[in-house]
Structures are given as C-alpha cells and as structure tokens.
Amino acid sequence: CEFRLLPALVNEMHVNLAIGHLDFWEYAHAA
C-alpha cells in the first residue's frame, strides 16, 4: 500500500485519484 514518487508527480497523482480517473495500484505498478 505504499511506494515512492518524485515530488513533481504528487499533484497529478492526487488529482487523478480524487476524480477517479486512475487508482492507486496503477501508479504502484508503474513505480
């Protein structure tokens, strides 16, 4: 339930999760 990301990607990830465009594990798989 956790992974690391660069600070520049924080807002993009948050917004995509907030609007339901992507889910957490799509980002985790990419990481």
PDB file of all heavy atoms in Angstrom:
ATOM      1  N   CYS A   1       0.816  -1.222   0.000  1.00  0.00           N
ATOM      2  CA  CYS A   1       0.000   0.000   0.000  1.00  0.00           C
ATOM      3  C   CYS A   1       0.842   1.262   0.000  1.00  0.00           C
ATOM      4  O   CYS A   1       0.363   2.335   0.378  1.00  0.00           O
ATOM      5  CB  CYS A   1      -0.933  -0.008   1.202  1.00  0.00           C
ATOM      6  SG  CYS A   1      -2.161  -1.314   1.115  1.00  0.00           S
ATOM      7  N   GLU A   2       2.112   1.144  -0.399  1.00  0.00           N
ATOM      8  CA  GLU A   2       2.956   2.336  -0.459  1.00  0.00           C
ATOM      9  C   GLU A   2       4.067   2.160  -1.480  1.00  0.00           C
ATOM     10  O   GLU A   2       4.462   1.039  -1.793  1.00  0.00           O
ATOM     11  CB  GLU A   2       3.527   2.680   0.915  1.00  0.00           C
ATOM     12  CG  GLU A   2       4.285   1.570   1.574  1.00  0.00           C
ATOM     13  CD  GLU A   2       4.657   1.873   3.018  1.00  0.00           C
ATOM     14  OE1 GLU A   2       3.785   2.221   3.818  1.00  0.00           O
ATOM     15  OE2 GLU A   2       5.861   1.746   3.326  1.00  0.00           O
ATOM     16  N   PHE A   3       4.533   3.280  -1.992  1.00  0.00           N
ATOM     17  CA  PHE A   3       5.664   3.313  -2.910  1.00  0.00           C
ATOM     18  C   PHE A   3       6.190   4.746  -2.921  1.00  0.00           C
ATOM     19  O   PHE A   3       5.567   5.648  -2.377  1.00  0.00           O
ATOM     20  CB  PHE A   3       5.270   2.855  -4.331  1.00  0.00           C
ATOM     21  CG  PHE A   3       4.286   3.768  -5.015  1.00  0.00           C
ATOM     22  CD1 PHE A   3       4.721   4.845  -5.771  1.00  0.00           C
ATOM     23  CD2 PHE A   3       2.927   3.555  -4.879  1.00  0.00           C
ATOM     24  CE1 PHE A   3       3.822   5.694  -6.381  1.00  0.00           C
ATOM     25  CE2 PHE A   3       2.016   4.387  -5.482  1.00  0.00           C
ATOM     26  CZ  PHE A   3       2.453   5.461  -6.238  1.00  0.00           C
ATOM     27  N   ARG A   4       7.317   4.958  -3.568  1.00  0.00           N
ATOM     28  CA  ARG A   4       7.914   6.298  -3.636  1.00  0.00           C
ATOM     29  C   ARG A   4       7.669   6.920  -4.999  1.00  0.00           C
ATOM     30  O   ARG A   4       7.566   6.231  -6.012  1.00  0.00           O
ATOM     31  CB  ARG A   4       9.411   6.226  -3.355  1.00  0.00           C
ATOM     32  CG  ARG A   4       9.657   5.812  -1.921  1.00  0.00           C
ATOM     33  CD  ARG A   4      10.982   6.278  -1.387  1.00  0.00           C
ATOM     34  NE  ARG A   4      11.026   5.951   0.025  1.00  0.00           N
ATOM     35  CZ  ARG A   4      10.626   6.769   0.988  1.00  0.00           C
ATOM     36  NH1 ARG A   4      10.209   7.985   0.699  1.00  0.00           N
ATOM     37  NH2 ARG A   4      10.675   6.396   2.247  1.00  0.00           N
ATOM     38  N   LEU A   5       7.605   8.258  -5.002  1.00  0.00           N
ATOM     39  CA  LEU A   5       7.475   9.009  -6.250  1.00  0.00           C
ATOM     40  C   LEU A   5       8.153  10.353  -6.094  1.00  0.00           C
ATOM     41  O   LEU A   5       8.337  10.860  -4.982  1.00  0.00           O
ATOM     42  CB  LEU A   5       6.010   9.187  -6.648  1.00  0.00           C
ATOM     43  CG  LEU A   5       5.188  10.255  -5.939  1.00  0.00           C
ATOM     44  CD1 LEU A   5       3.916  10.513  -6.727  1.00  0.00           C
ATOM     45  CD2 LEU A   5       4.852   9.837  -4.530  1.00  0.00           C
ATOM     46  N   LEU A   6       8.526  10.930  -7.239  1.00  0.00           N
ATOM     47  CA  LEU A   6       9.161  12.239  -7.233  1.00  0.00           C
ATOM     48  C   LEU A   6       8.126  13.309  -6.881  1.00  0.00           C
ATOM     49  O   LEU A   6       6.949  13.187  -7.254  1.00  0.00           O
ATOM     50  CB  LEU A   6       9.781  12.526  -8.593  1.00  0.00           C
ATOM     51  CG  LEU A   6      10.897  11.574  -9.016  1.00  0.00           C
ATOM     52  CD1 LEU A   6      11.438  11.972 -10.380  1.00  0.00           C
ATOM     53  CD2 LEU A   6      12.016  11.529  -7.980  1.00  0.00           C
ATOM     54  N   PRO A   7       8.538  14.362  -6.176  1.00  0.00           N
ATOM     55  CA  PRO A   7       7.595  15.412  -5.780  1.00  0.00           C
ATOM     56  C   PRO A   7       6.816  16.022  -6.945  1.00  0.00           C
ATOM     57  O   PRO A   7       5.645  16.382  -6.787  1.00  0.00           O
ATOM     58  CB  PRO A   7       8.489  16.452  -5.100  1.00  0.00           C
ATOM     59  CG  PRO A   7       9.636  15.669  -4.566  1.00  0.00           C
ATOM     60  CD  PRO A   7       9.874  14.594  -5.600  1.00  0.00           C
ATOM     61  N   ALA A   8       7.416  16.113  -8.112  1.00  0.00           N
ATOM     62  CA  ALA A   8       6.742  16.708  -9.273  1.00  0.00           C
ATOM     63  C   ALA A   8       5.492  15.936  -9.686  1.00  0.00           C
ATOM     64  O   ALA A   8       4.627  16.471 -10.381  1.00  0.00           O
ATOM     65  CB  ALA A   8       7.700  16.807 -10.449  1.00  0.00           C
ATOM     66  N   LEU A   9       5.357  14.682  -9.260  1.00  0.00           N
ATOM     67  CA  LEU A   9       4.222  13.845  -9.662  1.00  0.00           C
ATOM     68  C   LEU A   9       3.104  13.784  -8.623  1.00  0.00           C
ATOM     69  O   LEU A   9       2.046  13.210  -8.883  1.00  0.00           O
ATOM     70  CB  LEU A   9       4.709  12.429  -9.965  1.00  0.00           C
ATOM     71  CG  LEU A   9       5.747  12.329 -11.078  1.00  0.00           C
ATOM     72  CD1 LEU A   9       6.277  10.916 -11.182  1.00  0.00           C
ATOM     73  CD2 LEU A   9       5.156  12.793 -12.396  1.00  0.00           C
ATOM     74  N   VAL A  10       3.323  14.381  -7.467  1.00  0.00           N
ATOM     75  CA  VAL A  10       2.364  14.306  -6.367  1.00  0.00           C
ATOM     76  C   VAL A  10       0.995  14.853  -6.765  1.00  0.00           C
ATOM     77  O   VAL A  10      -0.032  14.203  -6.577  1.00  0.00           O
ATOM     78  CB  VAL A  10       2.922  15.031  -5.124  1.00  0.00           C
ATOM     79  CG1 VAL A  10       1.838  15.342  -4.110  1.00  0.00           C
ATOM     80  CG2 VAL A  10       4.023  14.198  -4.487  1.00  0.00           C
ATOM     81  N   ASN A  11       0.966  16.058  -7.297  1.00  0.00           N
ATOM     82  CA  ASN A  11      -0.328  16.674  -7.607  1.00  0.00           C
ATOM     83  C   ASN A  11      -1.079  15.906  -8.683  1.00  0.00           C
ATOM     84  O   ASN A  11      -2.280  15.679  -8.576  1.00  0.00           O
ATOM     85  CB  ASN A  11      -0.151  18.141  -7.994  1.00  0.00           C
ATOM     86  CG  ASN A  11      -1.457  18.879  -8.019  1.00  0.00           C
ATOM     87  OD1 ASN A  11      -2.018  19.096  -9.084  1.00  0.00           O
ATOM     88  ND2 ASN A  11      -1.969  19.231  -6.851  1.00  0.00           N
ATOM     89  N   GLU A  12      -0.374  15.486  -9.724  1.00  0.00           N
ATOM     90  CA  GLU A  12      -1.006  14.726 -10.809  1.00  0.00           C
ATOM     91  C   GLU A  12      -1.648  13.450 -10.262  1.00  0.00           C
ATOM     92  O   GLU A  12      -2.787  13.117 -10.589  1.00  0.00           O
ATOM     93  CB  GLU A  12       0.025  14.372 -11.871  1.00  0.00           C
ATOM     94  CG  GLU A  12      -0.504  13.467 -12.953  1.00  0.00           C
ATOM     95  CD  GLU A  12       0.588  12.982 -13.889  1.00  0.00           C
ATOM     96  OE1 GLU A  12       1.598  13.685 -14.077  1.00  0.00           O
ATOM     97  OE2 GLU A  12       0.419  11.877 -14.425  1.00  0.00           O
ATOM     98  N   MET A  13      -0.914  12.733  -9.417  1.00  0.00           N
ATOM     99  CA  MET A  13      -1.460  11.500  -8.853  1.00  0.00           C
ATOM    100  C   MET A  13      -2.676  11.791  -7.990  1.00  0.00           C
ATOM    101  O   MET A  13      -3.710  11.139  -8.110  1.00  0.00           O
ATOM    102  CB  MET A  13      -0.402  10.764  -8.037  1.00  0.00           C
ATOM    103  CG  MET A  13      -0.918   9.479  -7.429  1.00  0.00           C
ATOM    104  SD  MET A  13       0.363   8.631  -6.494  1.00  0.00           S
ATOM    105  CE  MET A  13      -0.617   7.331  -5.760  1.00  0.00           C
ATOM    106  N   HIS A  14      -2.559  12.777  -7.105  1.00  0.00           N
ATOM    107  CA  HIS A  14      -3.677  13.121  -6.230  1.00  0.00           C
ATOM    108  C   HIS A  14      -4.937  13.450  -7.027  1.00  0.00           C
ATOM    109  O   HIS A  14      -6.020  12.939  -6.731  1.00  0.00           O
ATOM    110  CB  HIS A  14      -3.314  14.295  -5.313  1.00  0.00           C
ATOM    111  CG  HIS A  14      -4.504  14.853  -4.629  1.00  0.00           C
ATOM    112  ND1 HIS A  14      -5.062  14.259  -3.529  1.00  0.00           N
ATOM    113  CD2 HIS A  14      -5.281  15.923  -4.930  1.00  0.00           C
ATOM    114  CE1 HIS A  14      -6.137  14.952  -3.169  1.00  0.00           C
ATOM    115  NE2 HIS A  14      -6.285  15.965  -3.994  1.00  0.00           N
ATOM    116  N   VAL A  15      -4.811  14.305  -8.022  1.00  0.00           N
ATOM    117  CA  VAL A  15      -5.976  14.711  -8.817  1.00  0.00           C
ATOM    118  C   VAL A  15      -6.586  13.517  -9.529  1.00  0.00           C
ATOM    119  O   VAL A  15      -7.810  13.334  -9.524  1.00  0.00           O
ATOM    120  CB  VAL A  15      -5.602  15.837  -9.809  1.00  0.00           C
ATOM    121  CG1 VAL A  15      -6.722  16.093 -10.802  1.00  0.00           C
ATOM    122  CG2 VAL A  15      -5.260  17.118  -9.053  1.00  0.00           C
ATOM    123  N   ASN A  16      -5.765  12.677 -10.144  1.00  0.00           N
ATOM    124  CA  ASN A  16      -6.291  11.500 -10.845  1.00  0.00           C
ATOM    125  C   ASN A  16      -7.023  10.547  -9.906  1.00  0.00           C
ATOM    126  O   ASN A  16      -8.032   9.949 -10.284  1.00  0.00           O
ATOM    127  CB  ASN A  16      -5.185  10.772 -11.600  1.00  0.00           C
ATOM    128  CG  ASN A  16      -4.895  11.409 -12.929  1.00  0.00           C
ATOM    129  OD1 ASN A  16      -5.795  11.703 -13.704  1.00  0.00           O
ATOM    130  ND2 ASN A  16      -3.630  11.653 -13.203  1.00  0.00           N
ATOM    131  N   LEU A  17      -6.544  10.404  -8.683  1.00  0.00           N
ATOM    132  CA  LEU A  17      -7.247   9.565  -7.712  1.00  0.00           C
ATOM    133  C   LEU A  17      -8.529  10.233  -7.238  1.00  0.00           C
ATOM    134  O   LEU A  17      -9.568   9.584  -7.089  1.00  0.00           O
ATOM    135  CB  LEU A  17      -6.351   9.241  -6.523  1.00  0.00           C
ATOM    136  CG  LEU A  17      -5.113   8.396  -6.808  1.00  0.00           C
ATOM    137  CD1 LEU A  17      -4.320   8.170  -5.535  1.00  0.00           C
ATOM    138  CD2 LEU A  17      -5.464   7.081  -7.450  1.00  0.00           C
ATOM    139  N   ALA A  18      -8.467  11.542  -6.997  1.00  0.00           N
ATOM    140  CA  ALA A  18      -9.637  12.276  -6.493  1.00  0.00           C
ATOM    141  C   ALA A  18     -10.812  12.241  -7.465  1.00  0.00           C
ATOM    142  O   ALA A  18     -11.968  12.151  -7.046  1.00  0.00           O
ATOM    143  CB  ALA A  18      -9.256  13.720  -6.164  1.00  0.00           C
ATOM    144  N   ILE A  19     -10.519  12.297  -8.761  1.00  0.00           N
ATOM    145  CA  ILE A  19     -11.612  12.293  -9.745  1.00  0.00           C
ATOM    146  C   ILE A  19     -11.929  10.887 -10.252  1.00  0.00           C
ATOM    147  O   ILE A  19     -12.810  10.709 -11.088  1.00  0.00           O
ATOM    148  CB  ILE A  19     -11.314  13.240 -10.935  1.00  0.00           C
ATOM    149  CG1 ILE A  19     -10.091  12.777 -11.724  1.00  0.00           C
ATOM    150  CG2 ILE A  19     -11.177  14.680 -10.446  1.00  0.00           C
ATOM    151  CD1 ILE A  19      -9.826  13.578 -12.991  1.00  0.00           C
ATOM    152  N   GLY A  20     -11.208   9.888  -9.737  1.00  0.00           N
ATOM    153  CA  GLY A  20     -11.479   8.509 -10.111  1.00  0.00           C
ATOM    154  C   GLY A  20     -10.981   8.113 -11.485  1.00  0.00           C
ATOM    155  O   GLY A  20     -11.415   7.110 -12.041  1.00  0.00           O
ATOM    156  N   HIS A  21     -10.048   8.895 -12.029  1.00  0.00           N
ATOM    157  CA  HIS A  21      -9.509   8.598 -13.358  1.00  0.00           C
ATOM    158  C   HIS A  21      -8.603   7.364 -13.330  1.00  0.00           C
ATOM    159  O   HIS A  21      -8.617   6.549 -14.250  1.00  0.00           O
ATOM    160  CB  HIS A  21      -8.770   9.816 -13.900  1.00  0.00           C
ATOM    161  CG  HIS A  21      -8.232   9.640 -15.275  1.00  0.00           C
ATOM    162  ND1 HIS A  21      -9.028   9.494 -16.389  1.00  0.00           N
ATOM    163  CD2 HIS A  21      -6.957   9.556 -15.723  1.00  0.00           C
ATOM    164  CE1 HIS A  21      -8.271   9.344 -17.456  1.00  0.00           C
ATOM    165  NE2 HIS A  21      -7.009   9.374 -17.083  1.00  0.00           N
ATOM    166  N   LEU A  22      -7.783   7.246 -12.301  1.00  0.00           N
ATOM    167  CA  LEU A  22      -6.882   6.115 -12.112  1.00  0.00           C
ATOM    168  C   LEU A  22      -7.002   5.654 -10.662  1.00  0.00           C
ATOM    169  O   LEU A  22      -7.567   6.356  -9.828  1.00  0.00           O
ATOM    170  CB  LEU A  22      -5.435   6.524 -12.411  1.00  0.00           C
ATOM    171  CG  LEU A  22      -5.127   6.955 -13.844  1.00  0.00           C
ATOM    172  CD1 LEU A  22      -3.739   7.569 -13.929  1.00  0.00           C
ATOM    173  CD2 LEU A  22      -5.240   5.782 -14.805  1.00  0.00           C
ATOM    174  N   ASP A  23      -6.441   4.479 -10.361  1.00  0.00           N
ATOM    175  CA  ASP A  23      -6.427   4.066  -8.966  1.00  0.00           C
ATOM    176  C   ASP A  23      -4.994   3.948  -8.457  1.00  0.00           C
ATOM    177  O   ASP A  23      -4.032   3.991  -9.228  1.00  0.00           O
ATOM    178  CB  ASP A  23      -7.238   2.790  -8.728  1.00  0.00           C
ATOM    179  CG  ASP A  23      -6.613   1.533  -9.304  1.00  0.00           C
ATOM    180  OD1 ASP A  23      -5.379   1.456  -9.415  1.00  0.00           O
ATOM    181  OD2 ASP A  23      -7.374   0.611  -9.633  1.00  0.00           O
ATOM    182  N   PHE A  24      -4.854   3.825  -7.161  1.00  0.00           N
ATOM    183  CA  PHE A  24      -3.550   3.807  -6.505  1.00  0.00           C
ATOM    184  C   PHE A  24      -2.645   2.739  -7.101  1.00  0.00           C
ATOM    185  O   PHE A  24      -1.462   2.962  -7.337  1.00  0.00           O
ATOM    186  CB  PHE A  24      -3.744   3.566  -4.998  1.00  0.00           C
ATOM    187  CG  PHE A  24      -2.474   3.584  -4.214  1.00  0.00           C
ATOM    188  CD1 PHE A  24      -1.964   4.770  -3.711  1.00  0.00           C
ATOM    189  CD2 PHE A  24      -1.763   2.413  -3.983  1.00  0.00           C
ATOM    190  CE1 PHE A  24      -0.777   4.792  -2.978  1.00  0.00           C
ATOM    191  CE2 PHE A  24      -0.576   2.424  -3.261  1.00  0.00           C
ATOM    192  CZ  PHE A  24      -0.089   3.620  -2.761  1.00  0.00           C
ATOM    193  N   TRP A  25      -3.219   1.548  -7.360  1.00  0.00           N
ATOM    194  CA  TRP A  25      -2.382   0.441  -7.793  1.00  0.00           C
ATOM    195  C   TRP A  25      -1.894   0.582  -9.227  1.00  0.00           C
ATOM    196  O   TRP A  25      -0.881  -0.005  -9.595  1.00  0.00           O
ATOM    197  CB  TRP A  25      -3.106  -0.882  -7.519  1.00  0.00           C
ATOM    198  CG  TRP A  25      -3.034  -1.098  -6.027  1.00  0.00           C
ATOM    199  CD1 TRP A  25      -2.020  -1.713  -5.352  1.00  0.00           C
ATOM    200  CD2 TRP A  25      -3.924  -0.611  -5.042  1.00  0.00           C
ATOM    201  NE1 TRP A  25      -2.234  -1.637  -4.002  1.00  0.00           N
ATOM    202  CE2 TRP A  25      -3.411  -0.969  -3.775  1.00  0.00           C
ATOM    203  CE3 TRP A  25      -5.120   0.094  -5.076  1.00  0.00           C
ATOM    204  CZ2 TRP A  25      -4.042  -0.654  -2.590  1.00  0.00           C
ATOM    205  CZ3 TRP A  25      -5.753   0.406  -3.889  1.00  0.00           C
ATOM    206  CH2 TRP A  25      -5.205   0.033  -2.662  1.00  0.00           C
ATOM    207  N   GLU A  26      -2.541   1.391 -10.028  1.00  0.00           N
ATOM    208  CA  GLU A  26      -1.993   1.668 -11.358  1.00  0.00           C
ATOM    209  C   GLU A  26      -0.664   2.418 -11.212  1.00  0.00           C
ATOM    210  O   GLU A  26       0.307   2.137 -11.919  1.00  0.00           O
ATOM    211  CB  GLU A  26      -2.983   2.468 -12.197  1.00  0.00           C
ATOM    212  CG  GLU A  26      -4.180   1.627 -12.619  1.00  0.00           C
ATOM    213  CD  GLU A  26      -5.217   2.428 -13.347  1.00  0.00           C
ATOM    214  OE1 GLU A  26      -6.088   3.025 -12.673  1.00  0.00           O
ATOM    215  OE2 GLU A  26      -5.147   2.454 -14.592  1.00  0.00           O
ATOM    216  N   TYR A  27      -0.618   3.354 -10.284  1.00  0.00           N
ATOM    217  CA  TYR A  27       0.625   4.080 -10.017  1.00  0.00           C
ATOM    218  C   TYR A  27       1.659   3.157  -9.369  1.00  0.00           C
ATOM    219  O   TYR A  27       2.845   3.204  -9.698  1.00  0.00           O
ATOM    220  CB  TYR A  27       0.363   5.289  -9.122  1.00  0.00           C
ATOM    221  CG  TYR A  27      -0.303   6.433  -9.839  1.00  0.00           C
ATOM    222  CD1 TYR A  27      -1.667   6.658  -9.723  1.00  0.00           C
ATOM    223  CD2 TYR A  27       0.437   7.293 -10.640  1.00  0.00           C
ATOM    224  CE1 TYR A  27      -2.277   7.712 -10.384  1.00  0.00           C
ATOM    225  CE2 TYR A  27      -0.159   8.358 -11.304  1.00  0.00           C
ATOM    226  CZ  TYR A  27      -1.523   8.551 -11.172  1.00  0.00           C
ATOM    227  OH  TYR A  27      -2.125   9.603 -11.836  1.00  0.00           O
ATOM    228  N   ALA A  28       1.211   2.318  -8.431  1.00  0.00           N
ATOM    229  CA  ALA A  28       2.127   1.397  -7.756  1.00  0.00           C
ATOM    230  C   ALA A  28       2.763   0.434  -8.757  1.00  0.00           C
ATOM    231  O   ALA A  28       3.961   0.143  -8.669  1.00  0.00           O
ATOM    232  CB  ALA A  28       1.390   0.637  -6.660  1.00  0.00           C
ATOM    233  N   HIS A  29       1.965  -0.060  -9.708  1.00  0.00           N
ATOM    234  CA  HIS A  29       2.511  -0.946 -10.751  1.00  0.00           C
ATOM    235  C   HIS A  29       3.574  -0.216 -11.564  1.00  0.00           C
ATOM    236  O   HIS A  29       4.622  -0.789 -11.880  1.00  0.00           O
ATOM    237  CB  HIS A  29       1.401  -1.445 -11.685  1.00  0.00           C
ATOM    238  CG  HIS A  29       0.601  -2.567 -11.122  1.00  0.00           C
ATOM    239  ND1 HIS A  29       1.072  -3.861 -11.044  1.00  0.00           N
ATOM    240  CD2 HIS A  29      -0.645  -2.591 -10.606  1.00  0.00           C
ATOM    241  CE1 HIS A  29       0.152  -4.631 -10.510  1.00  0.00           C
ATOM    242  NE2 HIS A  29      -0.904  -3.893 -10.226  1.00  0.00           N
ATOM    243  N   ALA A  30       3.326   1.039 -11.911  1.00  0.00           N
ATOM    244  CA  ALA A  30       4.300   1.818 -12.681  1.00  0.00           C
ATOM    245  C   ALA A  30       5.586   2.024 -11.886  1.00  0.00           C
ATOM    246  O   ALA A  30       6.692   1.899 -12.427  1.00  0.00           O
ATOM    247  CB  ALA A  30       3.701   3.160 -13.097  1.00  0.00           C
ATOM    248  N   ALA A  31       5.459   2.314 -10.591  1.00  0.00           N
ATOM    249  CA  ALA A  31       6.643   2.500  -9.743  1.00  0.00           C
ATOM    250  C   ALA A  31       7.443   1.205  -9.642  1.00  0.00           C
ATOM    251  O   ALA A  31       8.675   1.226  -9.615  1.00  0.00           O
ATOM    252  CB  ALA A  31       6.234   2.986  -8.357  1.00  0.00           C
TER     253      ALA A  31
END
